[in-house]
Every structure is written in structure tokens, then in C-alpha cells.
Protein backbone atom coordinates (compact mmCIF):
# COMPACT_ATOMS: atom_id res chain seq x y z
CA MET A 1 32.01 17.61 -27.61
CA LYS A 2 32.34 17.77 -27.28
CA ALA A 3 29.55 18.92 -27.14
CA PRO A 4 31.17 21.23 -27.03
CA PRO A 5 31.40 19.70 -26.16
CA ALA A 6 30.15 22.72 -23.87
CA ARG A 7 28.61 21.84 -21.63
CA ASN A 8 28.37 22.14 -17.66
CA SER A 9 25.54 24.26 -16.08
CA GLN A 10 22.90 24.48 -13.52
CA ALA A 11 19.52 24.86 -14.66
CA ASN A 12 17.14 28.10 -14.16
CA ASP A 13 14.36 29.56 -15.90
CA ARG A 14 14.81 33.27 -16.52
CA GLY A 15 11.22 34.09 -17.65
CA GLY A 16 10.83 37.63 -19.75
CA ALA A 17 9.91 38.12 -23.19
CA ARG A 18 12.56 35.75 -24.63
CA SER A 19 12.55 32.93 -21.96
CA ASP A 20 11.55 30.17 -24.69
CA THR A 21 14.88 30.56 -26.12
CA ARG A 22 16.95 31.73 -23.09
CA ARG A 23 18.67 28.67 -21.52
CA ALA A 24 19.67 27.47 -18.10
CA LEU A 25 23.20 28.34 -18.59
CA ILE A 26 22.31 32.40 -18.28
CA GLN A 27 23.33 33.94 -14.97
CA GLU A 28 25.25 37.03 -13.97
CA ALA A 29 28.98 36.66 -14.48
CA PRO A 30 30.73 36.95 -11.10
CA VAL A 31 33.87 39.26 -11.40
CA THR A 32 36.28 36.15 -10.62
CA SER A 33 34.92 34.57 -14.16
CA GLN A 34 38.12 33.90 -16.58
CA ASN A 35 37.91 35.61 -20.01
CA THR A 36 38.74 33.94 -23.13
CA PRO A 37 41.87 35.48 -24.95
CA LEU A 38 38.94 37.09 -27.49
CA HIS A 39 37.12 39.10 -24.69
CA ALA A 40 37.96 42.25 -26.04
CA ILE A 41 36.77 41.34 -29.46
CA HIS A 42 33.52 40.25 -28.15
CA GLU A 43 32.89 43.50 -26.10
CA ALA A 44 33.31 45.37 -29.10
CA ALA A 45 30.76 43.52 -31.26
CA GLY A 46 28.37 44.33 -28.27
CA ALA A 47 28.04 40.86 -26.70
CA SER A 48 26.22 40.16 -23.56
CA PHE A 49 28.05 37.78 -21.19
CA THR A 50 27.14 35.23 -18.71
CA ASP A 51 29.30 32.93 -16.07
CA PHE A 52 29.69 29.53 -17.27
CA SER A 53 31.59 26.98 -15.69
CA GLY A 54 33.96 29.87 -14.40
CA TRP A 55 34.38 31.66 -17.57
CA ASN A 56 32.97 34.96 -18.70
CA MET A 57 31.21 33.78 -22.15
CA PRO A 58 29.34 35.65 -24.83
CA VAL A 59 25.73 34.34 -24.25
CA ARG A 60 24.36 36.32 -27.18
CA TYR A 61 25.31 39.33 -29.82
CA THR A 62 22.11 40.10 -31.19
CA SER A 63 19.06 37.85 -30.17
CA ASP A 64 18.97 33.88 -29.31
CA LEU A 65 16.64 33.55 -32.28
CA THR A 66 18.37 35.09 -34.83
CA GLU A 67 21.69 33.68 -33.86
CA HIS A 68 20.22 29.94 -33.85
CA HIS A 69 18.56 30.46 -37.38
CA ALA A 70 21.80 31.49 -38.67
CA VAL A 71 23.37 28.22 -37.90
CA ARG A 72 20.80 26.40 -39.40
CA THR A 73 20.47 28.43 -42.60
CA ALA A 74 23.97 29.88 -43.26
CA ALA A 75 26.61 29.79 -40.40
CA GLY A 76 27.63 30.83 -37.09
CA LEU A 77 31.03 31.52 -35.35
CA PHE A 78 31.25 30.36 -31.99
CA ASP A 79 34.44 31.36 -29.29
CA LEU A 80 34.93 28.05 -27.47
CA SER A 81 38.21 28.75 -25.82
CA HIS A 82 36.69 27.86 -22.44
CA MET A 83 36.98 24.30 -23.50
CA ALA A 84 39.81 22.31 -22.08
CA GLU A 85 42.43 20.78 -24.41
CA LEU A 86 44.71 18.16 -22.78
CA ARG A 87 47.32 16.62 -24.70
CA VAL A 88 48.51 12.88 -24.05
CA THR A 89 51.63 11.76 -25.53
CA GLY A 90 54.31 9.16 -25.35
CA PRO A 91 54.96 5.43 -26.35
CA GLU A 92 52.04 4.02 -24.23
CA ALA A 93 49.57 7.03 -25.04
CA GLY A 94 47.26 4.69 -26.64
CA ARG A 95 46.91 1.94 -24.16
CA ALA A 96 46.98 4.46 -21.11
CA LEU A 97 43.84 6.14 -22.67
CA ASP A 98 42.34 2.74 -23.63
CA TYR A 99 42.39 2.00 -19.66
CA ALA A 100 41.20 5.65 -18.78
CA LEU A 101 38.47 6.09 -21.12
CA SER A 102 35.22 4.09 -22.41
CA GLY A 103 36.50 3.77 -25.73
CA LEU A 104 39.16 2.55 -27.68
CA PRO A 105 41.89 5.43 -28.55
CA SER A 106 44.53 2.58 -29.64
CA ALA A 107 42.53 1.38 -32.24
CA MET A 108 42.14 4.87 -33.96
CA ALA A 109 43.50 5.98 -37.09
CA ALA A 110 45.70 9.23 -37.29
CA GLY A 111 43.24 11.95 -38.20
CA GLU A 112 40.51 10.34 -36.57
CA ALA A 113 37.92 11.64 -33.76
CA LYS A 114 35.79 9.87 -31.36
CA TYR A 115 33.15 10.65 -28.61
CA MET A 116 34.30 8.96 -25.45
CA LEU A 117 33.49 9.28 -21.73
CA ILE A 118 35.57 9.12 -18.62
CA ILE A 119 33.93 7.43 -16.01
CA ASN A 120 34.63 6.47 -12.11
CA ASP A 121 34.88 3.32 -10.28
CA GLN A 122 31.30 2.69 -10.25
CA ALA A 123 30.70 3.77 -14.07
CA GLY A 124 29.45 7.19 -13.01
CA ILE A 125 30.09 9.69 -15.81
CA ILE A 126 32.86 12.20 -14.80
CA ASP A 127 32.81 13.94 -18.49
CA ASP A 128 32.01 13.25 -22.11
CA LEU A 129 34.82 13.72 -24.40
CA ILE A 130 36.00 14.48 -28.09
CA VAL A 131 39.32 12.45 -28.47
CA TYR A 132 41.47 13.00 -31.52
CA ARG A 133 44.56 10.74 -32.59
CA LEU A 134 46.97 13.40 -33.88
CA GLY A 135 49.88 10.87 -34.51
CA THR A 136 50.98 7.50 -33.49
CA ASP A 137 51.55 8.67 -29.99
CA ASP A 138 49.98 11.67 -29.71
CA PHE A 139 46.19 12.57 -28.73
CA LEU A 140 44.07 15.56 -27.97
CA VAL A 141 41.60 15.18 -25.52
CA VAL A 142 39.07 18.03 -25.29
CA ALA A 143 36.83 18.12 -21.95
CA ASN A 144 33.94 20.42 -20.88
CA ALA A 145 35.41 23.81 -19.18
CA GLY A 146 33.68 22.77 -15.74
CA ASN A 147 35.24 19.36 -15.72
CA ARG A 148 38.68 20.55 -16.82
CA HIS A 149 40.24 19.82 -13.39
CA PRO A 150 38.36 16.67 -12.62
CA VAL A 151 39.41 15.09 -15.78
CA ILE A 152 43.13 16.21 -15.40
CA GLN A 153 43.01 14.76 -11.90
CA ALA A 154 41.56 11.42 -12.94
CA LEU A 155 43.84 11.12 -16.31
CA THR A 156 46.90 11.76 -14.18
CA ALA A 157 46.13 9.04 -11.79
CA ARG A 158 45.21 6.76 -14.60
CA LEU A 159 48.63 7.34 -16.69
CA GLU A 160 50.59 6.73 -13.81
CA SER A 161 51.42 3.06 -14.66
CA PHE A 162 51.81 3.89 -18.33
CA ASP A 163 54.85 5.35 -20.21
CA ALA A 164 52.46 8.57 -21.28
CA THR A 165 52.68 12.12 -20.27
CA LEU A 166 49.45 14.51 -19.91
CA ARG A 167 49.87 18.29 -20.65
CA ASP A 168 47.18 20.76 -20.28
CA ASP A 169 47.11 23.33 -23.42
CA THR A 170 44.03 24.88 -22.35
CA ASP A 171 45.20 28.54 -21.35
CA GLN A 172 47.32 28.49 -24.49
CA THR A 173 44.70 27.45 -26.96
CA VAL A 174 42.13 29.44 -28.94
CA MET A 175 39.11 27.11 -30.02
CA LEU A 176 36.74 28.58 -32.59
CA ALA A 177 33.75 26.64 -34.19
CA VAL A 178 32.16 27.73 -37.66
CA GLN A 179 28.95 26.01 -37.74
CA GLY A 180 26.26 25.63 -40.60
CA PRO A 181 25.76 24.73 -44.25
CA ARG A 182 28.03 27.43 -45.40
CA ALA A 183 30.85 26.82 -43.15
CA GLU A 184 32.95 25.26 -45.48
CA ALA A 185 32.71 27.93 -47.94
CA ILE A 186 33.38 30.63 -45.13
CA LEU A 187 36.70 28.78 -43.94
CA SER A 188 37.74 28.28 -47.45
CA ALA A 189 37.57 31.99 -48.13
CA ALA A 190 39.18 33.07 -45.02
CA PRO A 191 42.22 34.99 -46.04
CA GLY A 192 45.45 33.61 -44.72
CA PHE A 193 44.13 30.08 -44.02
CA HIS A 194 45.29 27.22 -45.51
CA THR A 195 44.70 23.44 -45.28
CA GLU A 196 46.99 20.32 -46.51
CA VAL A 197 43.99 18.76 -48.15
CA PRO A 198 40.88 20.29 -49.61
CA LEU A 199 38.27 20.87 -46.61
CA ALA A 200 35.83 18.87 -48.75
CA ASP A 201 37.88 16.10 -48.38
CA ILE A 202 37.89 16.32 -44.61
CA ALA A 203 35.32 13.72 -43.35
CA TYR A 204 32.90 14.04 -40.58
CA TYR A 205 34.76 13.53 -37.16
CA ARG A 206 38.51 13.96 -38.87
CA ILE A 207 41.01 16.20 -38.23
CA ASP A 208 43.60 17.76 -40.34
CA GLN A 209 46.71 20.13 -40.21
CA ALA A 210 46.24 23.56 -41.72
CA THR A 211 47.79 26.96 -41.17
CA PHE A 212 46.83 30.43 -40.70
CA GLN A 213 49.36 33.24 -41.68
CA GLY A 214 52.19 30.75 -41.29
CA GLU A 215 50.82 29.62 -37.95
CA PRO A 216 50.00 25.90 -37.12
CA VAL A 217 46.20 25.25 -36.63
CA LEU A 218 44.42 21.99 -36.28
CA VAL A 219 40.86 21.84 -38.26
CA ALA A 220 38.22 19.27 -37.53
CA ARG A 221 34.93 18.37 -38.61
CA THR A 222 33.02 18.38 -35.66
CA GLY A 223 30.42 20.53 -33.56
CA TYR A 224 27.86 20.54 -31.24
CA THR A 225 25.06 21.89 -33.46
CA GLY A 226 23.68 19.32 -35.39
CA GLU A 227 25.10 21.21 -38.43
CA ASP A 228 27.94 20.65 -40.71
CA GLY A 229 31.11 22.72 -39.57
CA PHE A 230 34.44 22.77 -38.28
CA GLU A 231 36.30 23.37 -34.84
CA LEU A 232 39.59 25.06 -35.00
CA TYR A 233 42.68 25.13 -32.70
CA ILE A 234 45.38 27.58 -32.77
CA ASP A 235 47.67 29.25 -30.44
CA ARG A 236 46.28 32.22 -28.30
CA ALA A 237 48.57 34.63 -29.92
CA SER A 238 46.86 33.97 -33.36
CA GLY A 239 43.42 33.82 -32.18
CA ASP A 240 42.34 37.42 -32.68
CA ALA A 241 43.34 37.50 -36.07
CA LEU A 242 41.92 33.92 -36.85
CA TRP A 243 38.54 35.19 -35.57
CA SER A 244 38.74 38.54 -37.52
CA ALA A 245 39.78 36.62 -40.85
CA LEU A 246 36.46 34.33 -40.20
CA VAL A 247 34.30 37.38 -39.60
CA ASP A 248 35.77 39.12 -42.97
CA ALA A 249 35.28 35.84 -45.02
CA GLY A 250 31.59 35.59 -43.85
CA ARG A 251 30.29 38.87 -44.95
CA ASP A 252 29.49 37.27 -47.92
CA TYR A 253 27.69 34.15 -46.37
CA ASP A 254 25.43 35.63 -43.80
CA LEU A 255 27.91 34.60 -41.01
CA GLN A 256 26.45 35.47 -37.59
CA LEU A 257 28.40 35.87 -34.29
CA CYS A 258 26.83 33.43 -31.90
CA GLY A 259 26.71 33.01 -28.18
CA LEU A 260 25.88 30.18 -25.62
CA ALA A 261 22.06 30.50 -25.74
CA ALA A 262 21.98 29.61 -29.44
CA ARG A 263 24.64 27.06 -29.01
CA ASP A 264 22.19 25.32 -26.16
CA THR A 265 19.16 25.45 -28.49
CA LEU A 266 20.95 23.97 -31.07
CA ARG A 267 22.60 20.99 -29.43
CA LEU A 268 19.04 20.50 -27.57
CA GLU A 269 17.40 19.87 -31.03
CA ALA A 270 20.20 17.67 -32.16
CA GLY A 271 19.72 15.62 -29.13
CA MET A 272 23.28 16.28 -27.86
CA PRO A 273 23.62 15.84 -24.11
CA LEU A 274 24.96 18.59 -21.79
CA TYR A 275 27.24 17.54 -18.79
CA GLY A 276 25.32 18.84 -15.42
CA GLN A 277 21.97 18.26 -17.31
CA GLU A 278 21.96 15.09 -18.91
CA LEU A 279 25.40 13.82 -17.81
CA GLY A 280 27.01 13.52 -14.54
CA GLU A 281 28.59 11.49 -12.01
CA ARG A 282 25.18 9.86 -10.62
CA ILE A 283 24.25 9.00 -14.17
CA ARG A 284 25.46 5.98 -15.99
CA PRO A 285 26.05 5.39 -19.76
CA ALA A 286 23.03 3.02 -20.32
CA GLU A 287 20.63 5.47 -18.68
CA VAL A 288 21.53 8.20 -21.23
CA ARG A 289 21.95 5.96 -24.26
CA LEU A 290 25.31 5.54 -24.51
CA SER A 291 26.28 2.12 -23.94
CA ARG A 292 27.65 1.95 -27.39
CA VAL A 293 30.50 4.34 -26.62
CA VAL A 294 31.64 1.93 -23.66
CA GLU A 295 34.15 -0.87 -24.94
CA ARG A 296 32.91 -3.74 -22.50
CA ASP A 297 35.40 -6.07 -24.47
CA LYS A 298 38.54 -4.36 -23.45
CA ASP A 299 41.01 -6.21 -20.92
CA ASP A 300 40.86 -3.50 -18.32
CA PHE A 301 39.34 0.07 -17.94
CA VAL A 302 38.08 2.27 -14.96
CA GLY A 303 34.57 1.16 -14.37
CA LYS A 304 34.48 -2.11 -16.06
CA THR A 305 34.23 -4.03 -12.69
CA TRP A 306 31.34 -2.19 -11.53
CA LEU A 307 29.79 -2.68 -15.04
CA GLU A 308 30.25 -6.35 -14.95
CA ALA A 309 28.55 -6.88 -11.59
CA HIS A 310 25.90 -4.75 -12.85
CA PRO A 311 24.59 -6.12 -16.43
CA GLU A 312 21.07 -4.89 -16.32
CA PRO A 313 20.34 -1.16 -16.74
CA SER A 314 18.73 0.71 -14.04
CA ASP A 315 15.08 1.88 -14.30
CA LYS A 316 15.74 5.29 -15.67
CA ILE A 317 16.20 5.95 -19.52
CA LEU A 318 16.72 9.32 -21.57
CA VAL A 319 13.96 9.95 -24.03
CA GLY A 320 12.99 12.77 -26.28
CA ILE A 321 9.47 14.56 -25.52
CA ALA A 322 7.45 17.10 -27.67
CA ALA A 323 4.72 18.94 -26.11
CA GLU A 324 2.21 21.02 -27.38
CA GLY A 325 1.36 24.84 -26.99
CA ARG A 326 4.13 27.16 -26.39
CA ARG A 327 5.11 26.78 -23.04
CA ALA A 328 8.46 24.75 -22.65
CA ALA A 329 9.47 22.55 -19.26
CA ARG A 330 12.88 23.43 -18.13
CA ALA A 331 15.37 21.21 -16.47
CA GLY A 332 13.96 20.12 -13.08
CA TYR A 333 10.25 20.23 -14.02
CA PRO A 334 8.26 16.79 -13.32
CA VAL A 335 7.11 14.42 -16.18
CA ILE A 336 3.81 13.19 -15.14
CA ASP A 337 1.94 9.90 -16.00
CA PRO A 338 -1.50 11.32 -17.10
CA GLY A 339 -3.41 8.37 -15.87
CA SER A 340 -2.14 7.96 -12.53
CA MET A 341 -0.69 11.46 -12.23
CA GLU A 342 2.17 10.28 -10.42
CA GLN A 343 5.53 11.66 -11.22
CA ILE A 344 7.76 9.39 -13.35
CA GLY A 345 10.60 11.74 -14.36
CA GLN A 346 11.92 14.93 -14.69
CA VAL A 347 13.16 17.16 -17.46
CA THR A 348 17.01 17.41 -17.74
CA SER A 349 16.69 20.19 -20.58
CA GLY A 350 13.93 22.03 -22.46
CA ALA A 351 13.01 24.89 -24.65
CA LEU A 352 10.70 26.10 -27.36
CA SER A 353 12.51 24.73 -30.40
CA PRO A 354 13.17 27.69 -32.68
CA THR A 355 13.54 25.29 -35.64
CA LEU A 356 10.34 22.97 -35.09
CA GLY A 357 8.29 25.68 -33.31
CA HIS A 358 6.91 23.55 -30.59
CA PRO A 359 8.42 22.83 -27.13
CA ILE A 360 10.94 19.99 -26.92
CA ALA A 361 12.85 18.53 -23.93
CA MET A 362 15.25 15.60 -22.87
CA ALA A 363 14.21 13.83 -19.84
CA LEU A 364 15.19 11.07 -17.53
CA ILE A 365 12.05 8.81 -16.81
CA ASP A 366 10.92 5.38 -15.99
CA ARG A 367 11.70 2.63 -18.64
CA ASP A 368 8.27 1.52 -18.87
CA TYR A 369 7.20 5.01 -20.46
CA LYS A 370 10.02 5.14 -23.05
CA ASP A 371 8.18 3.78 -26.48
CA PRO A 372 7.45 6.46 -29.01
CA GLU A 373 4.11 8.31 -28.94
CA THR A 374 3.91 7.16 -25.17
CA GLU A 375 1.49 10.18 -23.86
CA LEU A 376 2.81 12.09 -20.95
CA HIS A 377 2.08 15.28 -19.41
CA LEU A 378 4.89 18.03 -18.40
CA ASP A 379 4.30 19.90 -14.95
CA VAL A 380 4.99 23.21 -16.14
CA ARG A 381 4.65 25.54 -13.07
CA GLY A 382 1.44 23.74 -11.86
CA GLN A 383 0.07 23.53 -15.56
CA MET A 384 -0.07 19.84 -16.85
CA VAL A 385 1.21 20.02 -20.57
CA PRO A 386 0.00 17.36 -22.90
CA ALA A 387 3.33 15.80 -24.40
CA ARG A 388 4.68 12.72 -26.03
CA VAL A 389 7.58 10.57 -26.34
CA VAL A 390 9.62 10.93 -29.84
CA PRO A 391 12.82 9.56 -30.96
CA LEU A 392 15.94 11.58 -30.74
CA PRO A 393 17.07 13.71 -32.49
CA PHE A 394 14.39 16.15 -32.87
CA TYR A 395 16.44 17.61 -35.57
CA ARG A 396 18.66 16.30 -38.42
CA ARG A 397 20.20 18.01 -40.87
CA ARG A 398 19.63 17.20 -44.62
CA LYS A 399 22.65 15.66 -46.17
CA ASP A 400 23.70 16.53 -49.87
């Protein structure tokens, strides 16, 4: 969100025996990468690392498939401490964020979460965000790791005329995610973890107060995997202990430590966009089916003037694509009209779906081809792979 979310990377096909689940985010980590506060724990657990938006992040602990399936069937534990946590407070915090963001934070109830965008003057997407209202004048804005500083810069400028203050809590915060059908049971069993209300009473896209060994924790029922689960925010001094408590509690529930490779295939199956692939400053909300998160009726917000001057959507639209065989199209691969053999778009994200067993992709294509069941070809290294447009998301969890 936040997905989450996570989310800024460059496309790249690695090849090799596990290339169908190994994603574009996988690169060798440069020595300048920043470590999360839990880095030593990940090393001890045998994690492989990758550079992701300037952070040295666990990409896997065992195998991409094992970690992916664990989240779908049991639970996975993720370190998301690379995400940016920005606190906006003050008497005019809600009004300030109404102007700064695409949504209407001032109308949110305390404890509510919303998915929003921060866009530029020409409605290009600077980042996608999760915004939590913690109190009357207190908001938590969670941004992508790679966009931390652009978001801070934009918010700082937009808050200048309001009685509101921005504080960057990223370096002092550990963010963890427990995702999967057994997430609630694991969190309930974690020694030293206590919530003010039963976890079952925390609804989807809500946030509440908790404690761990007496230290304050924010617990949100949000995530970037398409499964039920929680995202936890705690001071970095207590991060190691909370991770260990969750691991201990998870032994009876088949909890798996998970890296960014599994997180990426999970979010792709759930049809969740990734900044740098589906989203970017040259992409506008309507093109990626996010017009719904832009409150156009607000008195004023950054990007409104451009949107009012351009009421018609562009000729591009984001679609889901299912392909035949086992060869997955990656980000940047062409999408072809099988009749004319002309390129009508390109893949933004693609993988062999571990859950569904066939290749899936999201792609920006000409709107004339957007209808479900439209037949297409994907150009996978010169081979034309038959495919068709399908609704998003590719995977939807069953709810009780």
C-alpha cells in the first residue's frame, strides 16, 4: 500500500530454473544499500538479499514457490521496514491532506485506512499511499520506499499554507506484515502482544492500538498480498523482539518467512499495482483504473485543474491478461494484435502464477482491446504466445 505498498522497481528477466517466479525486483545489492533494523535476523535465517529502492532487502529465505504458497494456505511474515512512515499532525492536518492527496482524509473516521494517490500538477502519479487516521488531528501516511523523498518534498510544499506539520518516522519504525488465512491466530498467540480490542473486531482497512511487551504498536488490517492479514508498526528498538515473538507463535501454524519475490507474485495475482511498473509520473489515474480514488468534487487539490481540462480518458488502459503455456511475459514485453500483428501495448508486470498455474500479466494497452476475452498475443522473446484479456484481480480469496 500500500502496496506494500512496496513497490518501486525496474523490470528485468533473470532466467534460470526458477525464472517464472523470480521477479523484476531482483538485482545484486550494492554496498550502498541501507539495511533494515532486522538485517542480522534475516542473515541468520539464511535470507538472500536484493537491492530494492536503495534498501538491502530479503528476497527469499527458502524458495519463491514455498513462500508464495505459504501465504495462500497458512501465513507468511514479511519485513517491510523499507516503507516510508510519514506523520501529519496539527489542527488543519485533514484539510491539508485533502489538498495534497487524491482522497478526502478529513472525512475519514478515526481508525480508518484509505488507499490514495499523490499526483502532480498534470495528474501524473507521484506515488500510491495508504493513509490512516489515528486521531482528530493525526494521520499516518505510508509511502513506497523509493518515493520517500519525492513524497516528503511534495507534502512539505503542499502543507506550507496550512497549520499542519510533517514528520518522517521511517528510520525509527519497524514495519512487519503477517499475511494469510492463519494471520489472526498467529498474532493472537504471539507472546507479549496485546490489543485493546479483539483482533476479530478489527475490520479490513482499519487500524487500532496494541502493545508488545508494554511498548505501543499500531496494528492495521491491511496488506499487499490479496489475503487477510495485518501490518504492524513499532519502534525499531522493539522490532527484533516482535519478529521473534511472531516466529515463535507461528511454529504451530506453518508460518513461513517471506521475501520480496513472493510478495511480488502475490500482489500480481491480487491485481495490485506496483510503482515503477503499473504506476509512475507519466501514468494518470484513469489509465490504471484508479479514477475511483480521486475525489474530483473537492474544492481544490493538486492536479484538479489538469483533470478538469482533460475529462476524457487517454487511449491507454490497464488490463489483466491470461496466457497459454508456461512462458511468462515480463515487464516491457510487447502486446500484439493477432490480426494485424501490430503492437497495441506492453506488459507492466508478468509471471507464471504459482496459484493458478498459468502465465498472467498486467498490461497497458489501447482501449479498443480492453474487453474481457479479447484475444491477444504476447511477444515473449520473439515467440507469439496466445493470450486473452481477463478481469482483475486474477485471484480473489474466499471469505468466511
